[in-house]
Amino acid sequence: MKEISITSFDNLQIGQAENAAAGTGCTVFLLGKDGAPAGLDVRGGGPASRESELLKPLAAAQVIHAIVLAGGSAFGLDAAGGVMRYLEERNIGYDVGVTKVPLVCQADLFDLTVADARTRPDAAMAYQACANAENGGNYCDGNYGAGTGATVGKLLGMDHCMKSGIGSYAVQVGPLKVGAVVAVNAAGDIYDYENGCKVAGLRADDGKTFLDSEQLMLEKIDVQENKFVGNTTIGVVFTNAKFDKTRLCKIAGMAHDGYARAIRPVHTSADGDSIYAVSLGDVAADQDAVGALAARVMAKAILRGVQAAEGAYGFPAARDL
C-alpha cells in the first residue's frame, strides 16, 4: 500500500473557491463528461443537502455529474446552481431533448458563526470553483474551499473551539485506488486514530489545554431542548473500482467508521455528518476491502484537515498549541 495524491484519479477534477474574509467557501468535484455512479450515507441528525434522493438505490439515475461540499449551512445550497450552469454550458448532463440537465449533489456545513454570517457560497462562487477545477485544479488541504470556515470542539460554544479545515488522503494497492476528501466541522474532538492522541477540539478556559468533549457530554445527561445544530463533517470517498450506487451506499456507510475513529463524539443530533462514495473506474475489487480502505483513508483525511489548518478568525489551530 502506498500513499498517492487525491488528484491522481482519472475522471475527477477538483476546484475550490472561497471568501476568506467572510470565512466560507466551496469545493467542487467534477465527475467527467459522462458522470459517475455515487452513493450516500448520512449519519448526523442535522444535514443540509441537495439532490440526496438521486443516490437512493430505487432512484432512476445511475450516475451524477458533480458533487459540491460547501459552507453556508442551508443557505449555501444555492451554490449547486452555478455548477449546473457551468456543466450545461459544456453540454454535460442528463439528456432531456431540449437541453442536458446536470445532476449535482451537495452537502453543506455550518460556518455562519465564524466570520460574516450574511456571506455564503453562491452560484458565482461555485462557478468559479468549476473553472478552477477545469483549469488544472487548485485543491489544497487546510483553510480552503469548504474548509475555509470549519471549526471543531464546539460543545461549549465558539469561545472554546479550534480552527479546522479540509483534508485529503489516498492510497493505492496494486491497481486499486481509494481516497477521501473531508471538510472537518465537528462538534466533537479530533484524534489520531493510530496512536489515540487528541490533536484538536474543545479547549479549557486557559485556551491552551483540552477538555474531553465526550466525557463532558456524559456528565450532562439532562435533556437539552432546542439543541444548536451548528456542525457537520462532510466528505467524499473516491475509488477507481467499479461499483453501482447500491454498493457505493454501503461503502459510504463503512467509511463512516473513519469518522468514528477520528471524531468523538460523532454522529450526534447536532451534526449533519454525511459521506458520498464515487466510482471512477473499472478495476475489479472486493466491496468490503474497498469499504475498509475507505474508513482508513477517511480517518487519515480528517487528521490532515486538522493538521493543515491555520489559525484564523480568532480560533487557534492544532499547529498553534
Protein backbone atom coordinates (compact mmCIF):
# COMPACT_ATOMS: atom_id res chain seq x y z
CA MET A 1 0.00 0.00 0.00
CA LYS A 2 1.39 3.40 -0.95
CA GLU A 3 0.13 6.91 -0.42
CA ILE A 4 -0.93 8.80 -3.55
CA SER A 5 -2.37 12.23 -4.27
CA ILE A 6 -6.12 12.75 -4.26
CA THR A 7 -5.64 14.48 -7.62
CA SER A 8 -4.26 11.32 -9.25
CA PHE A 9 -7.70 9.82 -10.01
CA ASP A 10 -8.88 9.70 -13.62
CA ASN A 11 -12.26 11.29 -14.43
CA LEU A 12 -12.01 13.61 -11.41
CA GLN A 13 -11.38 17.35 -11.38
CA ILE A 14 -11.37 19.28 -8.09
CA GLY A 15 -11.76 23.03 -7.78
CA GLN A 16 -12.08 25.30 -4.77
CA ALA A 17 -13.22 28.88 -4.22
CA GLU A 18 -13.63 30.82 -1.02
CA ASN A 19 -14.22 34.18 0.59
CA ALA A 20 -11.52 34.13 3.25
CA ALA A 21 -12.64 37.37 4.87
CA ALA A 22 -16.18 36.03 5.31
CA GLY A 23 -14.98 32.60 6.47
CA THR A 24 -16.75 30.41 3.93
CA GLY A 25 -16.17 28.60 0.65
CA CYS A 26 -16.92 25.59 -1.54
CA THR A 27 -15.18 22.59 -3.06
CA VAL A 28 -16.47 21.15 -6.33
CA PHE A 29 -15.80 17.66 -7.73
CA LEU A 30 -16.47 17.29 -11.46
CA LEU A 31 -17.02 13.63 -12.37
CA GLY A 32 -16.30 13.54 -16.08
CA LYS A 33 -18.41 14.18 -19.15
CA ASP A 34 -20.44 11.01 -18.67
CA GLY A 35 -20.79 11.29 -14.91
CA ALA A 36 -20.10 8.55 -12.36
CA PRO A 37 -22.06 6.23 -10.07
CA ALA A 38 -22.31 7.53 -6.50
CA GLY A 39 -23.81 6.57 -3.16
CA LEU A 40 -24.50 8.47 0.06
CA ASP A 41 -24.74 7.66 3.76
CA VAL A 42 -25.97 10.30 6.25
CA ARG A 43 -25.44 9.63 9.97
CA GLY A 44 -25.81 13.07 11.56
CA GLY A 45 -29.11 14.48 12.77
CA GLY A 46 -28.99 17.86 11.04
CA PRO A 47 -27.82 17.62 7.40
CA ALA A 48 -28.07 20.42 4.85
CA SER A 49 -28.15 18.72 1.46
CA ARG A 50 -29.43 18.81 -2.11
CA GLU A 51 -30.49 16.01 -4.50
CA SER A 52 -29.80 13.27 -1.93
CA GLU A 53 -32.78 11.28 -3.24
CA LEU A 54 -30.91 10.71 -6.52
CA LEU A 55 -28.47 8.45 -4.72
CA LYS A 56 -31.00 6.05 -3.24
CA PRO A 57 -30.98 2.65 -4.97
CA LEU A 58 -34.61 3.00 -6.11
CA ALA A 59 -34.00 6.31 -7.92
CA ALA A 60 -33.70 6.05 -11.70
CA ALA A 61 -30.46 8.00 -12.17
CA GLN A 62 -27.45 5.70 -12.28
CA VAL A 63 -24.80 8.45 -12.42
CA ILE A 64 -24.34 12.03 -11.25
CA HIS A 65 -22.11 14.70 -12.77
CA ALA A 66 -20.75 16.67 -9.82
CA ILE A 67 -20.63 16.90 -6.03
CA VAL A 68 -20.36 20.11 -4.04
CA LEU A 69 -19.15 20.47 -0.46
CA ALA A 70 -19.75 23.95 0.91
CA GLY A 71 -20.23 26.20 3.88
CA GLY A 72 -23.18 28.47 4.49
CA SER A 73 -25.49 25.88 6.03
CA ALA A 74 -28.75 25.52 4.07
CA PHE A 75 -28.21 28.99 2.54
CA GLY A 76 -25.14 27.67 0.73
CA LEU A 77 -27.17 25.12 -1.23
CA ASP A 78 -27.65 27.78 -3.89
CA ALA A 79 -24.07 27.03 -4.97
CA ALA A 80 -25.13 23.94 -6.94
CA GLY A 81 -26.91 26.20 -9.41
CA GLY A 82 -23.56 27.59 -10.52
CA VAL A 83 -22.24 24.08 -11.11
CA MET A 84 -25.33 23.22 -13.14
CA ARG A 85 -24.87 26.31 -15.30
CA TYR A 86 -21.20 25.55 -15.84
CA LEU A 87 -21.90 21.97 -16.91
CA GLU A 88 -24.93 22.83 -19.06
CA GLU A 89 -22.78 25.31 -20.99
CA ARG A 90 -20.45 22.40 -21.76
CA ASN A 91 -23.28 20.08 -22.84
CA ILE A 92 -22.86 17.82 -19.81
CA GLY A 93 -25.86 16.27 -18.09
CA TYR A 94 -28.90 14.05 -18.48
CA ASP A 95 -30.33 14.45 -21.98
CA VAL A 96 -33.94 15.67 -21.90
CA GLY A 97 -34.15 16.60 -25.56
CA VAL A 98 -34.18 20.39 -25.30
CA THR A 99 -31.06 20.56 -23.11
CA LYS A 100 -28.95 18.46 -20.79
CA VAL A 101 -29.67 18.58 -17.06
CA PRO A 102 -26.55 18.15 -14.90
CA LEU A 103 -27.18 16.06 -11.79
CA VAL A 104 -25.39 17.82 -8.94
CA CYS A 105 -25.46 16.66 -5.31
CA GLN A 106 -24.42 18.92 -2.47
CA ALA A 107 -23.82 18.82 1.28
CA ASP A 108 -23.13 21.89 3.42
CA LEU A 109 -21.55 22.54 6.80
CA PHE A 110 -22.44 25.27 9.28
CA ASP A 111 -19.90 28.13 9.38
CA LEU A 112 -22.23 31.11 9.90
CA THR A 113 -20.80 31.89 13.37
CA VAL A 114 -17.18 32.10 12.18
CA ALA A 115 -16.97 35.50 10.46
CA ASP A 116 -19.67 37.06 8.24
CA ALA A 117 -22.98 35.26 8.68
CA ARG A 118 -24.52 37.07 5.70
CA THR A 119 -21.95 35.91 3.14
CA ARG A 120 -22.46 32.35 1.92
CA PRO A 121 -21.29 30.24 -1.01
CA ASP A 122 -23.44 31.06 -4.03
CA ALA A 123 -23.74 30.16 -7.70
CA ALA A 124 -20.98 32.58 -8.71
CA MET A 125 -18.52 31.12 -6.22
CA ALA A 126 -19.28 27.54 -7.31
CA TYR A 127 -19.00 28.52 -10.98
CA GLN A 128 -15.51 29.86 -10.24
CA ALA A 129 -14.65 26.62 -8.43
CA CYS A 130 -15.68 24.69 -11.56
CA ALA A 131 -13.44 26.92 -13.70
CA ASN A 132 -10.59 26.31 -11.27
CA ALA A 133 -11.21 22.55 -11.48
CA GLU A 134 -11.16 22.50 -15.26
CA ASN A 135 -8.08 24.73 -15.48
CA GLY A 136 -5.78 22.25 -13.80
CA GLY A 137 -7.42 22.13 -10.39
CA ASN A 138 -6.44 24.08 -7.29
CA TYR A 139 -7.13 21.64 -4.48
CA CYS A 140 -5.22 22.28 -1.22
CA ASP A 141 -5.67 20.92 2.30
CA GLY A 142 -6.38 23.42 5.06
CA ASN A 143 -8.29 26.72 5.11
CA TYR A 144 -9.64 26.43 1.57
CA GLY A 145 -12.90 25.66 -0.16
CA ALA A 146 -15.45 24.04 2.13
CA GLY A 147 -12.86 24.06 4.91
CA THR A 148 -12.45 27.85 5.00
CA GLY A 149 -14.75 28.31 7.99
CA ALA A 150 -14.51 24.83 9.51
CA THR A 151 -14.07 24.52 13.27
CA VAL A 152 -14.11 21.69 15.83
CA GLY A 153 -14.72 21.21 19.55
CA LYS A 154 -17.89 23.29 19.95
CA LEU A 155 -19.70 21.62 22.81
CA LEU A 156 -19.26 24.75 24.97
CA GLY A 157 -19.71 27.24 22.14
CA MET A 158 -17.38 29.06 19.78
CA ASP A 159 -15.24 30.59 22.54
CA HIS A 160 -13.75 27.15 23.26
CA CYS A 161 -13.42 25.73 19.72
CA MET A 162 -10.46 25.41 17.33
CA LYS A 163 -9.89 26.10 13.65
CA SER A 164 -10.04 23.10 11.34
CA GLY A 165 -10.09 22.74 7.56
CA ILE A 166 -10.47 20.43 4.60
CA GLY A 167 -8.23 17.38 4.29
CA SER A 168 -7.43 14.57 1.87
CA TYR A 169 -5.73 11.19 1.88
CA ALA A 170 -5.48 8.45 -0.75
CA VAL A 171 -3.75 5.10 -1.16
CA GLN A 172 -3.07 2.59 -3.91
CA VAL A 173 -2.98 -1.20 -3.51
CA GLY A 174 -1.93 -2.80 -6.78
CA PRO A 175 -4.26 -1.28 -9.40
CA LEU A 176 -6.83 -0.22 -6.79
CA LYS A 177 -7.05 3.39 -5.64
CA VAL A 178 -9.13 4.67 -2.72
CA GLY A 179 -9.10 8.25 -1.44
CA ALA A 180 -11.10 10.72 0.62
CA VAL A 181 -11.67 14.45 0.92
CA VAL A 182 -13.39 15.77 4.05
CA ALA A 183 -14.32 19.16 5.47
CA VAL A 184 -13.93 18.73 9.24
CA ASN A 185 -16.53 20.77 11.13
CA ALA A 186 -17.33 18.55 14.09
CA ALA A 187 -18.92 19.27 17.44
CA GLY A 188 -16.52 16.73 18.93
CA ASP A 189 -12.77 16.36 19.38
CA ILE A 190 -10.32 15.08 16.76
CA TYR A 191 -7.95 12.16 17.37
CA ASP A 192 -5.10 10.49 15.55
CA TYR A 193 -6.63 7.02 15.49
CA GLU A 194 -3.26 5.31 15.05
CA ASN A 195 -1.88 6.49 18.40
CA GLY A 196 -5.02 7.65 20.22
CA CYS A 197 -3.69 11.18 20.77
CA LYS A 198 -6.08 14.12 20.66
CA VAL A 199 -4.93 16.73 18.14
CA ALA A 200 -7.73 19.32 18.28
CA GLY A 201 -11.04 20.01 19.94
CA LEU A 202 -12.65 21.57 22.97
CA ARG A 203 -10.33 23.98 24.80
CA ALA A 204 -10.40 24.74 28.51
CA ASP A 205 -10.72 28.28 29.86
CA ASP A 206 -6.96 28.78 29.62
CA GLY A 207 -7.26 28.36 25.83
CA LYS A 208 -4.27 26.05 25.70
CA THR A 209 -5.31 22.73 27.20
CA PHE A 210 -8.02 20.30 26.15
CA LEU A 211 -11.24 19.28 27.77
CA ASP A 212 -12.83 15.94 26.87
CA SER A 213 -16.00 16.59 24.86
CA GLU A 214 -17.28 13.05 25.19
CA GLN A 215 -16.75 12.98 28.95
CA LEU A 216 -18.40 16.38 29.29
CA MET A 217 -21.41 15.14 27.35
CA LEU A 218 -21.70 12.08 29.59
CA GLU A 219 -21.64 14.30 32.67
CA LYS A 220 -24.57 16.35 31.38
CA ILE A 221 -27.25 13.76 30.72
CA ASP A 222 -30.26 16.04 31.29
CA VAL A 223 -32.46 16.57 28.23
CA GLN A 224 -31.38 19.59 26.22
CA GLU A 225 -34.18 21.24 24.27
CA ASN A 226 -33.53 23.22 21.07
CA LYS A 227 -30.01 21.88 20.75
CA PHE A 228 -27.97 24.07 18.42
CA VAL A 229 -27.29 22.28 15.13
CA GLY A 230 -24.09 24.09 14.18
CA ASN A 231 -21.70 21.43 12.96
CA THR A 232 -21.40 18.75 10.23
CA THR A 233 -18.44 16.86 8.84
CA ILE A 234 -18.93 16.25 5.12
CA GLY A 235 -16.77 14.09 2.90
CA VAL A 236 -16.39 12.13 -0.32
CA VAL A 237 -14.71 8.76 -0.91
CA PHE A 238 -13.35 8.05 -4.38
CA THR A 239 -12.27 4.74 -5.87
CA ASN A 240 -11.28 3.52 -9.31
CA ALA A 241 -13.06 0.25 -8.57
CA LYS A 242 -16.28 -0.47 -10.45
CA PHE A 243 -19.45 -0.37 -8.34
CA ASP A 244 -23.07 0.63 -8.79
CA LYS A 245 -24.72 3.10 -6.44
CA THR A 246 -26.22 0.40 -4.20
CA ARG A 247 -22.76 -0.92 -3.37
CA LEU A 248 -21.41 2.60 -3.12
CA CYS A 249 -24.01 3.40 -0.46
CA LYS A 250 -22.60 0.51 1.56
CA ILE A 251 -19.03 1.71 1.03
CA ALA A 252 -20.06 5.20 2.18
CA GLY A 253 -21.54 3.61 5.29
CA MET A 254 -18.31 1.75 6.02
CA ALA A 255 -16.37 4.99 5.52
CA HIS A 256 -18.27 6.43 8.49
CA ASP A 257 -16.12 4.12 10.61
CA GLY A 258 -13.34 6.58 9.75
CA TYR A 259 -15.40 9.36 11.31
CA ALA A 260 -15.88 7.25 14.43
CA ARG A 261 -12.16 6.53 14.70
CA ALA A 262 -11.13 10.19 14.42
CA ILE A 263 -14.03 12.17 15.99
CA ARG A 264 -15.51 11.83 19.48
CA PRO A 265 -18.42 12.23 19.99
CA VAL A 266 -19.65 11.83 16.41
CA HIS A 267 -22.95 11.41 14.54
CA THR A 268 -24.83 13.47 17.13
CA SER A 269 -28.15 15.21 16.61
CA ALA A 270 -26.17 18.47 16.43
CA ASP A 271 -24.13 17.21 13.45
CA GLY A 272 -25.14 16.53 9.86
CA ASP A 273 -22.38 14.02 9.13
CA SER A 274 -22.54 12.82 5.52
CA ILE A 275 -20.28 10.81 3.20
CA TYR A 276 -20.58 10.33 -0.56
CA ALA A 277 -18.83 7.44 -2.33
CA VAL A 278 -17.97 7.63 -6.04
CA SER A 279 -16.80 5.01 -8.55
CA LEU A 280 -14.40 6.48 -11.12
CA GLY A 281 -13.07 3.41 -12.92
CA ASP A 282 -13.40 -0.23 -13.91
CA VAL A 283 -10.99 -2.02 -11.56
CA ALA A 284 -12.43 -5.24 -10.14
CA ALA A 285 -12.21 -5.16 -6.34
CA ASP A 286 -13.98 -6.60 -3.31
CA GLN A 287 -16.62 -4.27 -1.92
CA ASP A 288 -15.70 -4.90 1.71
CA ALA A 289 -11.99 -4.39 1.08
CA VAL A 290 -12.75 -1.03 -0.54
CA GLY A 291 -15.05 -0.13 2.36
CA ALA A 292 -12.33 -0.96 4.87
CA LEU A 293 -9.85 1.16 2.95
CA ALA A 294 -12.42 3.94 2.77
CA ALA A 295 -12.66 4.04 6.57
CA ARG A 296 -8.89 4.18 6.86
CA VAL A 297 -8.33 6.97 4.33
CA MET A 298 -11.25 8.95 5.78
CA ALA A 299 -9.74 8.89 9.27
CA LYS A 300 -6.39 9.99 7.84
CA ALA A 301 -8.04 12.74 5.78
CA ILE A 302 -9.76 14.09 8.92
CA LEU A 303 -6.42 14.23 10.70
CA ARG A 304 -4.80 16.01 7.76
CA GLY A 305 -7.62 18.54 7.56
CA VAL A 306 -6.93 19.50 11.18
CA GLN A 307 -3.15 19.46 10.88
CA ALA A 308 -3.15 21.53 7.67
CA ALA A 309 -5.43 24.22 9.08
CA GLU A 310 -4.06 27.59 10.11
CA GLY A 311 -5.42 29.64 12.98
CA ALA A 312 -7.98 32.21 11.80
CA TYR A 313 -10.93 34.35 12.94
CA GLY A 314 -9.56 34.28 16.48
CA PHE A 315 -9.55 30.46 16.64
CA PRO A 316 -6.23 28.65 17.13
CA ALA A 317 -5.33 25.63 15.01
CA ALA A 318 -3.62 22.42 16.10
CA ARG A 319 -0.28 23.79 14.97
CA ASP A 320 -0.68 26.71 17.40
CA LEU A 321 -0.96 24.60 20.58
